[in-house]
Amino acid sequence: MEKEEILINTQFALFFEQPINRPDLLFNDFNQAIGNVFDQPPLTIPVPPELLDVPVVQMNSTNGVYSLNIARGRVDFFHAGVGKQKFADIKNDFQKEVEILYEFFRGKAKIKRIGFVTRFFFDEEKQDEIIAKLIDKNFRNLHNGKTQEAYIRYVSRITLDGLEANNFTAIEKFFARISGVGDNIKGILVTRDFNTNPEKNYSDYFNKEKIKDFITKGESQFNLDKIKNILWPKVNK
């Protein structure tokens, strides 16, 4: 039986050229802009001003689908999967939500970088043994014995929709809680992350169409079928 991915969540990040002084003043207006999907009281955290990437405001929806972190130097929007959803099931909604995110925050600060992250779960009992297939066999043989733990992280630099971007993959064991399916489900988490070069400022490049295209081009680079064929070659033939 072929392995099928389950969407854990997908995330879009905007990185600001200059820090926002009072992120705590933005959550009401943004919540209205996105249709009041955040129905829980926001959590505000006293963060020293020099910590630009640490969230000052955290927002969540009661249904667990939406969350948002606003730091002085960045904002991260999350859309979680429900049940056995795939990315394609929420893609259109997510792109519209990210467009609202971009249009709102570009009025507050220049956007110099963006990031698009998606996390997928595969049900698997032999987590570490399966992940270890991605590690050179000759290297594994140096260790002898049975595999106890394996984790993969690999980053390359590519051009994505005209932007120089990091192409990041992480593969690790994971215990998932999936609505309508169960808790503490044993398996493998595959994270695909595309983020623009931290050394470059693309603030004059971005518009809402470029943001939308970045998601589409990133999705085309997920390569989940190829990853599955390496991890489970007999199952996915």
Protein backbone atom coordinates (compact mmCIF):
# COMPACT_ATOMS: atom_id res chain seq x y z
CA MET A 1 0.00 0.00 0.00
CA GLU A 2 1.47 3.33 -1.06
CA LYS A 3 2.43 5.77 1.66
CA GLU A 4 0.26 8.90 1.71
CA GLU A 5 1.31 12.17 3.27
CA ILE A 6 -0.83 14.02 5.78
CA LEU A 7 -0.46 17.79 6.05
CA ILE A 8 0.59 18.87 9.55
CA ASN A 9 0.74 22.57 8.70
CA THR A 10 1.98 25.10 6.21
CA GLN A 11 3.60 28.38 7.16
CA PHE A 12 4.48 31.68 5.51
CA ALA A 13 6.97 34.13 7.00
CA LEU A 14 7.61 37.80 6.21
CA PHE A 15 10.89 39.34 7.37
CA PHE A 16 10.95 43.11 7.94
CA GLU A 17 13.64 45.50 6.73
CA GLN A 18 13.24 47.57 9.91
CA PRO A 19 11.81 46.33 13.23
CA ILE A 20 8.21 47.04 14.19
CA ASN A 21 8.22 48.83 17.53
CA ARG A 22 4.80 47.74 18.83
CA PRO A 23 3.64 44.39 17.42
CA ASP A 24 1.12 44.21 20.26
CA LEU A 25 -0.89 47.03 18.64
CA LEU A 26 -1.42 45.14 15.37
CA PHE A 27 -3.36 41.99 16.22
CA ASN A 28 -6.87 43.51 16.28
CA ASP A 29 -6.54 45.17 12.89
CA PHE A 30 -4.97 42.11 11.30
CA ASN A 31 -7.63 39.81 12.76
CA GLN A 32 -10.31 42.00 11.20
CA ALA A 33 -8.47 41.97 7.87
CA ILE A 34 -8.36 38.19 7.77
CA GLY A 35 -11.99 37.69 8.82
CA ASN A 36 -11.63 37.34 12.59
CA VAL A 37 -10.41 33.76 12.37
CA PHE A 38 -8.47 34.21 15.62
CA ASP A 39 -11.17 33.79 18.24
CA GLN A 40 -8.88 33.25 21.25
CA PRO A 41 -7.43 36.14 23.26
CA PRO A 42 -3.93 36.96 22.00
CA LEU A 43 -0.95 36.18 24.18
CA THR A 44 1.50 39.07 24.54
CA ILE A 45 5.01 38.44 25.82
CA PRO A 46 7.47 41.02 27.21
CA VAL A 47 10.41 40.47 24.86
CA PRO A 48 13.61 42.59 25.00
CA PRO A 49 13.77 44.88 21.93
CA GLU A 50 17.03 43.38 20.70
CA LEU A 51 15.40 39.95 20.19
CA LEU A 52 13.89 40.61 16.78
CA ASP A 53 12.79 37.05 15.91
CA VAL A 54 11.10 36.15 19.21
CA PRO A 55 7.28 36.52 19.08
CA VAL A 56 5.81 39.42 21.02
CA VAL A 57 2.24 38.43 20.10
CA GLN A 58 0.85 34.93 19.59
CA MET A 59 -2.63 34.40 18.14
CA ASN A 60 -4.61 31.16 17.76
CA SER A 61 -8.00 29.91 16.63
CA THR A 62 -10.07 27.60 18.82
CA ASN A 63 -10.35 25.01 16.05
CA GLY A 64 -6.56 24.75 15.89
CA VAL A 65 -6.37 25.60 12.19
CA TYR A 66 -4.86 29.08 12.40
CA SER A 67 -2.01 30.60 14.37
CA LEU A 68 0.11 33.71 14.01
CA ASN A 69 3.33 34.91 15.65
CA ILE A 70 4.30 38.58 15.40
CA ALA A 71 7.84 39.51 16.36
CA ARG A 72 9.56 42.86 15.87
CA GLY A 73 11.53 41.53 12.93
CA ARG A 74 9.14 39.01 11.35
CA VAL A 75 5.63 37.58 11.23
CA ASP A 76 4.73 33.89 10.78
CA PHE A 77 1.29 32.68 9.70
CA PHE A 78 0.31 29.00 10.06
CA HIS A 79 -2.54 27.03 8.51
CA ALA A 80 -2.83 23.51 9.93
CA GLY A 81 -4.28 20.50 8.17
CA VAL A 82 -7.45 18.86 9.46
CA GLY A 83 -7.74 15.08 9.42
CA LYS A 84 -5.97 13.56 6.42
CA GLN A 85 -5.82 16.73 4.35
CA LYS A 86 -3.07 17.28 1.82
CA PHE A 87 -1.51 20.61 0.87
CA ALA A 88 -3.61 20.74 -2.31
CA ASP A 89 -6.77 20.70 -0.17
CA ILE A 90 -5.92 24.01 1.50
CA LYS A 91 -3.64 25.63 -1.09
CA ASN A 92 -6.16 28.10 -2.51
CA ASP A 93 -7.31 29.25 0.92
CA PHE A 94 -3.72 29.51 2.11
CA GLN A 95 -2.67 31.66 -0.84
CA LYS A 96 -5.58 34.05 -0.19
CA GLU A 97 -4.65 34.22 3.50
CA VAL A 98 -1.01 34.91 2.71
CA GLU A 99 -2.07 37.65 0.29
CA ILE A 100 -3.99 39.31 3.15
CA LEU A 101 -0.96 38.82 5.40
CA TYR A 102 1.35 40.47 2.87
CA GLU A 103 -1.00 43.37 2.05
CA PHE A 104 -1.48 44.14 5.73
CA PHE A 105 2.15 44.01 6.87
CA ARG A 106 3.66 45.71 3.84
CA GLY A 107 1.82 48.79 5.07
CA LYS A 108 3.64 48.50 8.40
CA ALA A 109 7.20 47.74 7.25
CA LYS A 110 9.18 46.93 4.12
CA ILE A 111 9.39 43.19 3.47
CA LYS A 112 12.97 42.15 2.69
CA ARG A 113 12.65 38.35 2.81
CA ILE A 114 10.00 35.64 2.68
CA GLY A 115 9.80 31.99 3.70
CA PHE A 116 7.40 29.16 2.85
CA VAL A 117 7.46 26.03 5.03
CA THR A 118 5.29 22.92 4.81
CA ARG A 119 5.36 19.89 7.12
CA PHE A 120 4.14 16.46 6.06
CA PHE A 121 3.56 13.34 8.15
CA PHE A 122 3.86 9.70 7.07
CA ASP A 123 2.61 6.85 9.25
CA GLU A 124 5.58 4.56 9.94
CA GLU A 125 6.48 2.16 12.76
CA LYS A 126 10.19 1.78 11.88
CA GLN A 127 10.98 5.47 11.97
CA ASP A 128 14.76 5.53 12.38
CA GLU A 129 15.42 2.48 10.22
CA ILE A 130 13.54 4.03 7.32
CA ILE A 131 15.21 7.45 7.68
CA ALA A 132 18.63 5.78 7.82
CA LYS A 133 18.16 4.67 4.19
CA LEU A 134 19.05 8.23 3.22
CA ILE A 135 22.48 7.88 4.83
CA ASP A 136 25.31 6.24 2.87
CA LYS A 137 25.39 2.53 3.65
CA ASN A 138 29.20 2.47 3.97
CA PHE A 139 28.99 5.15 6.64
CA ARG A 140 26.25 3.29 8.50
CA ASN A 141 28.35 0.12 8.46
CA LEU A 142 31.05 1.93 10.44
CA HIS A 143 28.69 2.00 13.41
CA ASN A 144 27.72 -1.69 13.42
CA GLY A 145 24.64 -2.81 15.31
CA LYS A 146 21.00 -1.85 14.90
CA THR A 147 19.94 1.68 13.99
CA GLN A 148 18.73 3.58 17.05
CA GLU A 149 18.36 7.11 15.73
CA ALA A 150 18.58 8.88 12.36
CA TYR A 151 17.84 12.43 11.27
CA ILE A 152 18.38 14.15 7.92
CA ARG A 153 18.88 17.85 7.23
CA TYR A 154 20.00 19.15 3.84
CA VAL A 155 20.03 22.65 2.36
CA SER A 156 20.86 23.76 -1.16
CA ARG A 157 20.71 27.18 -2.83
CA ILE A 158 18.39 27.49 -5.83
CA THR A 159 16.63 30.14 -7.89
CA LEU A 160 12.90 30.09 -7.20
CA ASP A 161 10.69 32.42 -9.24
CA GLY A 162 13.64 34.72 -9.87
CA LEU A 163 14.69 34.76 -6.21
CA GLU A 164 17.83 33.25 -4.72
CA ALA A 165 16.45 30.91 -2.09
CA ASN A 166 17.45 28.19 0.35
CA ASN A 167 15.89 24.82 -0.43
CA PHE A 168 15.71 23.04 2.94
CA THR A 169 14.65 19.48 3.76
CA ALA A 170 14.47 17.88 7.20
CA ILE A 171 13.35 14.30 7.80
CA GLU A 172 12.88 13.10 11.37
CA LYS A 173 10.81 10.80 13.54
CA PHE A 174 7.60 12.32 14.83
CA PHE A 175 4.58 11.48 16.95
CA ALA A 176 1.55 13.19 15.47
CA ARG A 177 -1.78 14.29 16.83
CA ILE A 178 -4.22 14.35 13.94
CA SER A 179 -7.85 15.38 14.37
CA GLY A 180 -10.24 12.58 13.52
CA VAL A 181 -7.38 10.07 13.32
CA GLY A 182 -5.72 9.84 16.74
CA ASP A 183 -2.99 11.00 19.12
CA ASN A 184 0.66 10.03 19.41
CA ILE A 185 0.68 8.41 15.96
CA LYS A 186 4.14 7.06 15.20
CA GLY A 187 5.70 8.19 11.97
CA ILE A 188 8.06 10.42 9.99
CA LEU A 189 7.92 14.18 9.56
CA VAL A 190 9.17 15.67 6.28
CA THR A 191 9.71 19.43 6.35
CA ARG A 192 10.15 21.36 3.09
CA ASP A 193 11.28 24.96 3.57
CA PHE A 194 11.97 27.59 0.91
CA ASN A 195 13.31 30.93 2.16
CA THR A 196 15.04 33.74 0.33
CA ASN A 197 18.75 34.35 0.78
CA PRO A 198 19.27 36.09 4.18
CA GLU A 199 22.07 38.17 2.66
CA LYS A 200 19.80 39.75 0.04
CA ASN A 201 17.08 42.38 0.34
CA TYR A 202 14.19 41.86 -2.06
CA SER A 203 11.96 44.65 -0.74
CA ASP A 204 11.69 46.25 -4.21
CA TYR A 205 10.75 42.96 -5.83
CA PHE A 206 7.76 41.70 -3.87
CA ASN A 207 4.10 42.18 -4.72
CA LYS A 208 1.08 39.99 -4.03
CA GLU A 209 1.47 38.09 -7.32
CA LYS A 210 5.13 37.32 -6.57
CA ILE A 211 4.12 36.08 -3.12
CA LYS A 212 1.47 33.80 -4.64
CA ASP A 213 3.91 32.51 -7.27
CA PHE A 214 6.52 31.73 -4.60
CA ILE A 215 4.05 29.33 -2.98
CA THR A 216 3.21 27.70 -6.32
CA LYS A 217 6.86 27.32 -7.32
CA GLY A 218 7.74 25.99 -3.87
CA GLU A 219 4.96 23.41 -4.10
CA SER A 220 6.38 22.25 -7.44
CA GLN A 221 9.68 21.56 -5.62
CA PHE A 222 8.20 19.48 -2.77
CA ASN A 223 9.33 16.26 -4.53
CA LEU A 224 7.32 14.15 -2.10
CA ASP A 225 6.89 11.29 -4.55
CA LYS A 226 10.65 11.09 -5.09
CA ILE A 227 11.30 11.24 -1.35
CA LYS A 228 8.75 8.46 -0.77
CA ASN A 229 10.35 6.29 -3.45
CA ILE A 230 13.69 6.52 -1.64
CA LEU A 231 12.26 5.86 1.81
CA TRP A 232 9.82 3.12 0.76
CA PRO A 233 11.08 1.83 -2.61
CA LYS A 234 9.07 -1.42 -2.59
CA VAL A 235 5.87 0.14 -1.30
CA ASN A 236 5.77 3.01 -3.78
CA LYS A 237 6.72 1.23 -7.02
